[in-house]
Protein backbone atom coordinates (compact mmCIF):
# COMPACT_ATOMS: atom_id res chain seq x y z
CA MET A 1 45.50 -19.62 -14.93
CA GLU A 2 43.61 -16.47 -13.95
CA THR A 3 43.23 -15.71 -10.27
CA PRO A 4 39.79 -16.89 -9.14
CA HIS A 5 37.36 -14.15 -8.20
CA VAL A 6 34.71 -15.30 -5.73
CA LEU A 7 31.50 -13.37 -5.13
CA VAL A 8 29.99 -14.11 -1.71
CA ALA A 9 26.29 -13.23 -1.98
CA ALA A 10 24.62 -14.95 0.96
CA ASP A 11 21.73 -14.07 3.26
CA LYS A 12 21.89 -14.18 7.07
CA PHE A 13 21.93 -17.40 9.10
CA LYS A 14 18.95 -16.46 11.24
CA GLY A 15 19.72 -16.61 14.94
CA SER A 16 23.48 -16.97 14.55
CA LEU A 17 25.14 -14.81 11.84
CA THR A 18 24.23 -11.67 9.93
CA ALA A 19 24.73 -11.66 6.16
CA VAL A 20 27.83 -9.47 6.66
CA GLN A 21 29.28 -11.96 9.17
CA VAL A 22 28.56 -14.85 6.78
CA ALA A 23 30.59 -13.09 4.09
CA GLU A 24 33.46 -12.41 6.52
CA ARG A 25 33.64 -16.04 7.66
CA VAL A 26 33.44 -17.44 4.12
CA THR A 27 36.20 -15.05 3.02
CA ALA A 28 38.45 -16.14 5.92
CA GLY A 29 37.97 -19.82 5.11
CA LEU A 30 38.61 -19.41 1.39
CA ARG A 31 41.82 -17.43 2.00
CA ARG A 32 43.16 -19.99 4.44
CA VAL A 33 43.36 -22.47 1.54
CA VAL A 34 43.98 -20.05 -1.36
CA PRO A 35 45.70 -16.98 0.13
CA GLY A 36 45.67 -14.93 -3.08
CA VAL A 37 42.00 -15.46 -3.96
CA ARG A 38 40.04 -12.32 -4.78
CA VAL A 39 36.81 -12.20 -2.77
CA GLU A 40 34.01 -9.68 -3.21
CA ALA A 41 31.30 -9.60 -0.56
CA LEU A 42 27.75 -8.57 -1.41
CA PRO A 43 25.44 -9.52 1.47
CA VAL A 44 21.90 -10.03 0.16
CA ALA A 45 18.34 -10.12 1.50
CA ASP A 46 14.96 -10.92 0.01
CA GLY A 47 12.92 -8.04 1.42
CA GLY A 48 12.49 -9.50 4.91
CA ASP A 49 14.49 -8.68 8.03
CA GLY A 50 18.09 -7.89 7.13
CA THR A 51 17.18 -5.90 4.02
CA VAL A 52 18.33 -2.53 5.37
CA ALA A 53 21.57 -4.09 6.64
CA ALA A 54 22.26 -5.50 3.16
CA ALA A 55 21.66 -2.08 1.59
CA VAL A 56 24.01 -0.40 4.09
CA ALA A 57 26.70 -3.02 3.37
CA ALA A 58 26.32 -2.12 -0.33
CA GLY A 59 26.98 1.57 0.32
CA PHE A 60 23.64 3.05 1.35
CA GLU A 61 23.57 5.50 4.27
CA ARG A 62 21.88 4.20 7.42
CA ARG A 63 19.29 6.53 8.94
CA GLU A 64 17.12 6.13 12.01
CA ALA A 65 13.65 7.30 13.05
CA ARG A 66 11.59 6.99 16.23
CA VAL A 67 8.32 5.36 15.25
CA THR A 68 5.39 3.51 16.77
CA GLY A 69 6.09 -0.16 17.43
CA PRO A 70 3.58 -2.96 16.85
CA LEU A 71 2.23 -2.72 20.43
CA GLY A 72 2.05 1.08 20.38
CA ALA A 73 5.25 1.87 22.29
CA PRO A 74 7.96 3.88 20.49
CA VAL A 75 10.84 1.99 18.84
CA THR A 76 13.93 3.05 16.89
CA ALA A 77 13.80 1.88 13.29
CA ALA A 78 16.50 2.04 10.62
CA TYR A 79 16.14 2.68 6.91
CA ALA A 80 18.71 3.24 4.18
CA VAL A 81 19.18 6.01 1.60
CA ARG A 82 21.39 6.47 -1.44
CA ASP A 83 20.77 9.48 -3.70
CA THR A 84 16.98 9.47 -4.21
CA THR A 85 16.46 5.75 -3.47
CA ALA A 86 15.41 4.56 -0.02
CA VAL A 87 15.20 1.03 1.32
CA VAL A 88 12.54 0.67 4.01
CA GLU A 89 12.06 -2.57 5.94
CA MET A 90 8.67 -2.88 7.60
CA ALA A 91 10.07 -5.31 10.21
CA GLU A 92 12.25 -2.47 11.52
CA ALA A 93 9.06 -0.72 12.67
CA SER A 94 6.44 -3.47 12.92
CA GLY A 95 8.42 -6.70 13.20
CA LEU A 96 8.27 -9.63 15.57
CA GLN A 97 11.62 -8.53 17.03
CA HIS A 98 9.80 -5.66 18.77
CA LEU A 99 7.60 -8.01 20.82
CA PRO A 100 8.72 -9.00 24.32
CA ALA A 101 9.57 -12.71 24.57
CA GLY A 102 6.43 -14.80 24.49
CA GLU A 103 4.12 -11.79 24.08
CA PHE A 104 1.95 -11.58 20.99
CA ALA A 105 -0.92 -9.31 19.97
CA PRO A 106 -2.40 -10.93 16.86
CA LEU A 107 -5.64 -8.92 16.91
CA THR A 108 -4.26 -5.50 17.90
CA ALA A 109 -0.66 -5.24 16.61
CA THR A 110 -0.37 -2.26 14.26
CA THR A 111 1.69 -1.26 11.21
CA TYR A 112 1.39 2.44 12.12
CA GLY A 113 5.17 2.68 12.58
CA SER A 114 5.75 1.33 9.05
CA GLY A 115 3.77 4.27 7.71
CA GLU A 116 5.87 6.64 9.83
CA LEU A 117 9.01 5.01 8.43
CA LEU A 118 7.77 5.55 4.84
CA ALA A 119 7.09 9.18 5.76
CA ALA A 120 10.67 9.49 7.05
CA ALA A 121 11.93 8.21 3.69
CA LEU A 122 9.77 10.81 1.91
CA ASP A 123 11.19 13.51 4.22
CA ALA A 124 14.68 12.34 3.20
CA GLY A 125 13.84 13.12 -0.44
CA ALA A 126 13.24 9.59 -1.71
CA ARG A 127 11.73 9.29 -5.18
CA THR A 128 12.06 5.51 -5.31
CA ILE A 129 11.24 3.46 -2.21
CA VAL A 130 11.99 -0.24 -2.00
CA PHE A 131 9.55 -1.39 0.67
CA GLY A 132 10.75 -4.74 2.01
CA VAL A 133 7.96 -6.57 3.80
CA GLY A 134 8.36 -9.67 5.94
CA GLY A 135 8.89 -10.68 9.55
CA SER A 136 5.84 -8.72 10.70
CA ALA A 137 4.12 -8.97 14.08
CA THR A 138 0.94 -7.65 12.48
CA THR A 139 -2.15 -8.73 10.54
CA ASP A 140 -3.89 -5.39 9.99
CA GLY A 141 -3.97 -5.25 6.19
CA GLY A 142 -1.74 -2.18 6.30
CA ALA A 143 -4.49 -0.08 7.90
CA GLY A 144 -2.10 1.25 10.54
CA MET A 145 0.46 2.18 7.87
CA LEU A 146 -2.17 4.04 5.87
CA SER A 147 -3.41 5.84 9.01
CA ALA A 148 0.11 7.12 9.68
CA LEU A 149 0.19 8.47 6.12
CA GLY A 150 -3.10 10.38 6.54
CA ALA A 151 -5.90 7.89 5.84
CA ARG A 152 -8.90 7.68 8.20
CA PHE A 153 -10.73 4.45 9.08
CA LEU A 154 -14.05 5.12 10.81
CA ASP A 155 -16.70 2.99 12.48
CA GLY A 156 -20.47 3.45 12.22
CA ASP A 157 -20.36 6.32 14.72
CA GLY A 158 -17.72 8.17 12.73
CA LYS A 159 -14.99 7.38 15.26
CA PRO A 160 -11.58 5.93 14.33
CA VAL A 161 -11.45 2.13 14.60
CA GLY A 162 -8.90 0.71 17.01
CA PRO A 163 -5.45 -0.61 16.10
CA GLY A 164 -4.88 -4.03 14.58
CA GLY A 165 -6.71 -6.38 12.28
CA GLY A 166 -9.47 -7.40 14.69
CA ALA A 167 -10.90 -3.87 14.86
CA LEU A 168 -11.39 -3.75 11.08
CA ALA A 169 -14.59 -5.76 11.57
CA GLU A 170 -16.09 -2.45 12.79
CA LEU A 171 -15.00 -0.49 9.70
CA ALA A 172 -17.78 1.52 8.07
CA GLU A 173 -15.87 4.13 6.05
CA ALA A 174 -12.34 4.46 4.66
CA ASP A 175 -11.32 8.02 3.81
CA LEU A 176 -8.10 8.10 1.78
CA SER A 177 -8.39 11.75 0.76
CA GLY A 178 -5.85 12.84 3.38
CA LEU A 179 -3.07 10.52 2.24
CA ASP A 180 0.35 12.20 1.98
CA PRO A 181 0.33 13.65 -1.57
CA ARG A 182 4.06 12.92 -2.00
CA ILE A 183 3.24 9.21 -2.31
CA ALA A 184 1.72 9.84 -5.75
CA ASP A 185 5.10 11.03 -7.08
CA VAL A 186 7.14 8.10 -5.74
CA ASP A 187 7.91 4.75 -7.33
CA LEU A 188 6.97 2.45 -4.44
CA ILE A 189 8.18 -1.12 -4.98
CA LEU A 190 6.65 -3.79 -2.75
CA ALA A 191 9.53 -6.25 -2.31
CA SER A 192 8.56 -9.61 -0.85
CA ASP A 193 9.24 -13.31 -1.15
CA VAL A 194 5.54 -13.93 -0.44
CA ASP A 195 2.93 -13.89 -3.22
CA ASN A 196 -0.10 -14.88 -1.11
CA PRO A 197 -3.48 -13.14 -1.49
CA LEU A 198 -4.93 -11.20 1.44
CA THR A 199 -7.54 -13.69 2.67
CA GLY A 200 -8.79 -17.25 2.25
CA PRO A 201 -6.96 -20.58 2.58
CA LYS A 202 -3.71 -19.08 1.25
CA GLY A 203 -4.26 -15.68 2.84
CA ALA A 204 -2.29 -13.81 5.49
CA PRO A 205 -4.24 -14.91 8.61
CA GLU A 206 -4.48 -18.60 7.65
CA VAL A 207 -0.88 -19.07 6.48
CA TYR A 208 1.02 -16.71 8.78
CA GLY A 209 -1.30 -15.79 11.65
CA ARG A 210 -0.30 -18.60 13.99
CA GLN A 211 3.39 -17.65 13.98
CA LYS A 212 2.25 -14.25 15.29
CA GLY A 213 0.40 -15.84 18.21
CA ALA A 214 -3.07 -16.21 16.65
CA THR A 215 -5.33 -18.99 17.93
CA GLU A 216 -7.69 -20.82 15.57
CA ASP A 217 -10.46 -18.42 16.65
CA ASP A 218 -8.16 -15.43 16.08
CA VAL A 219 -7.37 -16.65 12.56
CA ALA A 220 -11.08 -16.81 11.75
CA VAL A 221 -11.71 -13.35 13.25
CA LEU A 222 -8.80 -11.81 11.33
CA ASP A 223 -9.78 -13.40 8.04
CA ALA A 224 -13.37 -12.18 8.33
CA ALA A 225 -12.20 -8.70 9.38
CA LEU A 226 -9.81 -8.46 6.41
CA VAL A 227 -12.52 -9.68 4.00
CA HIS A 228 -14.73 -6.86 5.31
CA TYR A 229 -11.87 -4.33 5.13
CA ALA A 230 -11.20 -5.29 1.50
CA SER A 231 -14.91 -4.99 0.67
CA VAL A 232 -14.67 -1.33 1.71
CA LEU A 233 -11.32 -0.52 0.04
CA GLY A 234 -11.33 -2.76 -3.04
CA PRO A 235 -11.85 -6.53 -3.09
CA GLU A 236 -10.17 -7.06 -6.49
CA THR A 237 -6.78 -5.95 -5.16
CA ALA A 238 -7.06 -8.48 -2.30
CA GLU A 239 -6.43 -11.29 -4.79
CA LEU A 240 -3.25 -9.81 -6.25
CA PRO A 241 0.09 -11.55 -5.60
CA GLY A 242 1.75 -9.98 -2.57
CA ALA A 243 -1.48 -8.63 -1.06
CA GLY A 244 -1.08 -11.06 1.83
CA ALA A 245 2.56 -10.20 2.50
CA ALA A 246 3.45 -9.21 6.06
CA GLY A 247 -0.03 -9.56 7.51
CA GLY A 248 -1.64 -7.86 4.54
CA ILE A 249 0.49 -4.72 4.52
CA GLY A 250 1.05 -5.62 0.88
CA TYR A 251 -2.66 -5.10 0.26
CA GLY A 252 -2.61 -1.65 1.85
CA ALA A 253 0.39 -0.64 -0.26
CA LEU A 254 -1.14 -2.01 -3.48
CA VAL A 255 -4.69 -0.70 -3.05
CA ALA A 256 -3.95 2.76 -1.62
CA LEU A 257 -0.31 3.70 -2.28
CA GLY A 258 0.05 2.65 -5.92
CA ALA A 259 2.79 0.15 -5.09
CA ARG A 260 3.96 -2.42 -7.61
CA PHE A 261 4.87 -5.91 -6.47
CA ARG A 262 8.19 -7.52 -7.38
CA PRO A 263 9.91 -10.59 -5.89
CA GLY A 264 12.09 -9.24 -3.11
CA ILE A 265 15.34 -10.89 -4.16
CA GLU A 266 15.03 -9.56 -7.74
CA VAL A 267 14.56 -6.01 -6.45
CA MET A 268 17.40 -6.28 -3.97
CA LEU A 269 19.85 -7.70 -6.51
CA ASP A 270 19.09 -4.69 -8.73
CA VAL A 271 19.43 -2.20 -5.86
CA LEU A 272 22.63 -3.76 -4.50
CA GLY A 273 24.45 -3.78 -7.85
CA PHE A 274 24.61 -7.55 -8.20
CA ALA A 275 24.91 -7.70 -12.01
CA PRO A 276 28.26 -5.85 -12.27
CA ALA A 277 29.63 -7.85 -9.32
CA LEU A 278 28.54 -11.09 -10.99
CA ALA A 279 30.29 -10.06 -14.21
CA ARG A 280 33.61 -10.02 -12.30
CA ALA A 281 33.09 -13.41 -10.64
CA THR A 282 34.36 -16.89 -11.53
CA LEU A 283 32.48 -18.55 -8.63
CA VAL A 284 29.49 -17.47 -6.55
CA VAL A 285 28.93 -18.56 -2.94
CA THR A 286 25.37 -18.02 -1.73
CA GLY A 287 23.38 -19.43 1.17
CA GLU A 288 21.17 -18.95 4.22
CA GLY A 289 20.51 -20.64 7.55
CA SER A 290 18.24 -23.37 6.19
CA LEU A 291 18.24 -24.55 2.58
CA ASP A 292 14.82 -26.16 2.27
CA GLU A 293 11.68 -26.21 0.16
CA GLN A 294 10.99 -22.55 1.05
CA THR A 295 14.35 -21.56 -0.42
CA LEU A 296 13.11 -22.54 -3.87
CA HIS A 297 10.17 -20.10 -3.65
CA GLY A 298 11.78 -16.71 -3.93
CA LYS A 299 14.35 -16.80 -1.14
CA ALA A 300 17.72 -15.11 -1.62
CA PRO A 301 19.90 -18.15 -2.50
CA ALA A 302 17.52 -19.25 -5.27
CA GLY A 303 17.52 -15.77 -6.79
CA VAL A 304 21.31 -15.49 -6.62
CA ALA A 305 21.83 -18.97 -8.11
CA ALA A 306 19.36 -18.32 -10.93
CA ALA A 307 21.14 -15.09 -11.86
CA ALA A 308 24.54 -16.83 -11.71
CA ARG A 309 23.35 -19.66 -13.95
CA ALA A 310 21.94 -17.18 -16.48
CA ALA A 311 25.39 -15.52 -16.57
CA GLY A 312 27.21 -18.86 -16.90
CA VAL A 313 28.90 -18.61 -13.48
CA GLU A 314 29.01 -21.62 -11.18
CA ALA A 315 27.27 -21.27 -7.80
CA VAL A 316 27.65 -23.21 -4.57
CA ALA A 317 25.84 -22.70 -1.29
CA VAL A 318 26.56 -22.70 2.42
CA CYS A 319 23.84 -23.32 4.99
CA GLY A 320 23.24 -24.30 8.59
CA ARG A 321 21.06 -27.24 7.64
CA LEU A 322 20.31 -28.81 4.26
CA ALA A 323 16.86 -30.24 3.55
CA LEU A 324 17.01 -30.39 -0.27
CA PRO A 325 18.14 -33.36 -2.38
CA PRO A 326 20.92 -32.88 -4.95
CA GLU A 327 18.39 -32.87 -7.82
CA ALA A 328 16.49 -29.91 -6.32
CA LEU A 329 19.76 -28.04 -5.76
CA GLY A 330 20.78 -28.69 -9.36
CA LYS A 331 17.45 -27.42 -10.70
CA ALA A 332 17.92 -24.25 -8.66
CA GLY A 333 21.38 -23.71 -10.18
CA ILE A 334 23.34 -24.72 -7.07
CA ARG A 335 26.22 -27.08 -7.92
CA ARG A 336 26.80 -28.22 -4.34
CA ALA A 337 25.71 -27.24 -0.83
CA TYR A 338 27.90 -27.28 2.29
CA ALA A 339 25.89 -27.70 5.51
CA LEU A 340 27.27 -26.88 8.94
CA THR A 341 25.32 -29.83 10.40
CA ASP A 342 27.58 -32.12 8.36
CA LEU A 343 30.46 -30.81 10.46
CA GLU A 344 28.59 -30.62 13.78
CA PRO A 345 25.37 -32.66 14.03
CA ASP A 346 24.15 -31.09 17.31
CA PRO A 347 21.92 -28.16 16.20
CA ALA A 348 22.50 -26.11 19.37
CA VAL A 349 26.29 -26.43 19.11
CA CYS A 350 26.04 -25.79 15.39
CA MET A 351 24.27 -22.45 15.94
CA ALA A 352 26.61 -21.44 18.76
CA GLN A 353 29.71 -22.29 16.70
CA ALA A 354 28.32 -21.17 13.32
CA GLY A 355 31.22 -18.80 12.59
CA PRO A 356 34.14 -21.23 12.95
CA LEU A 357 32.13 -24.02 11.29
CA LEU A 358 31.37 -21.77 8.33
CA GLU A 359 35.08 -21.07 7.91
CA ARG A 360 35.68 -24.83 7.74
CA ALA A 361 32.93 -25.19 5.12
CA ALA A 362 34.55 -22.41 3.09
CA GLU A 363 37.90 -24.21 3.30
CA ALA A 364 36.18 -27.23 1.73
CA ILE A 365 34.77 -25.01 -1.05
CA ALA A 366 38.25 -23.67 -1.73
CA ARG A 367 39.71 -27.18 -1.95
CA ASP A 368 36.89 -28.42 -4.19
CA PHE A 369 36.57 -25.44 -6.55
CA LEU A 370 39.63 -23.18 -6.29
CA SER A 371 42.69 -25.38 -5.73
């Protein structure tokens, strides 16, 4: 019998383990039961936070830049480069992780730093930029990002409008003539697991505004401001899939930067070299912190499992908590899921002990599929 070759292609367990740590713990558990098993780790991400870390784990070079954070203070943001391809994660510059605990700025948070991060990738010689968007603290339609790249957004007096989505209600003129000309020569791929439009009942303010601290009144203000903003820049683009990603930064990238939208996990699997790794595998282990209904809509485990099924390779999943019935798992291409809450029902203990529990789950996988 040939030695099994396991590909561990899991996302992070948010709040407890990075994708790299997940792979390390799964590997340790598998080898405790089957010492000679070959294990290949390929941490994955779907375009949201953790995307740069996944690229670095796959061999990209980590770079850093000082950029403007969502509240205007400087932050250090990482991006990744390999040859002429860069992976830029907007959350590194404009993400919720840059907000002090309990402090939100739904009307004024800016994506200016995301534009500075794209400029840093251009300075590094990037000709292809994978722009992972998710985890944002912002709902400014990408206006801040475009400003950092040379666009001007002016009110009725010819003065620049303020930062954030709320100020876009005052927009009278958008001048894109000063945009960095290098953008025109770059293949900019908008990578997201979100296909929402910019505004309306499925738009960025309504669906995601509250998790960024927006009140009901704020949501209404932001939606109206973004409708007005789109009326100036191009209302047709506002309806495109991905326009509502990351507080509408997707719209800014699509309407002004010539970006093309692709599901984040598909892009990342291409960039990370998943296909050749899958060709070597006899079993795939994927997963994320919570396997639930959202997982089925473009999250990393669903993308990994779909690719594995297409290649005829069996896939199982590990997760912190499982909220999907066996039928839904089967439809997604996941043979079985191993939840840490089955080993430790207390969620707080489960998160605190995620590493050792994950090793135990991997031991069970080894007994069930490798022994």
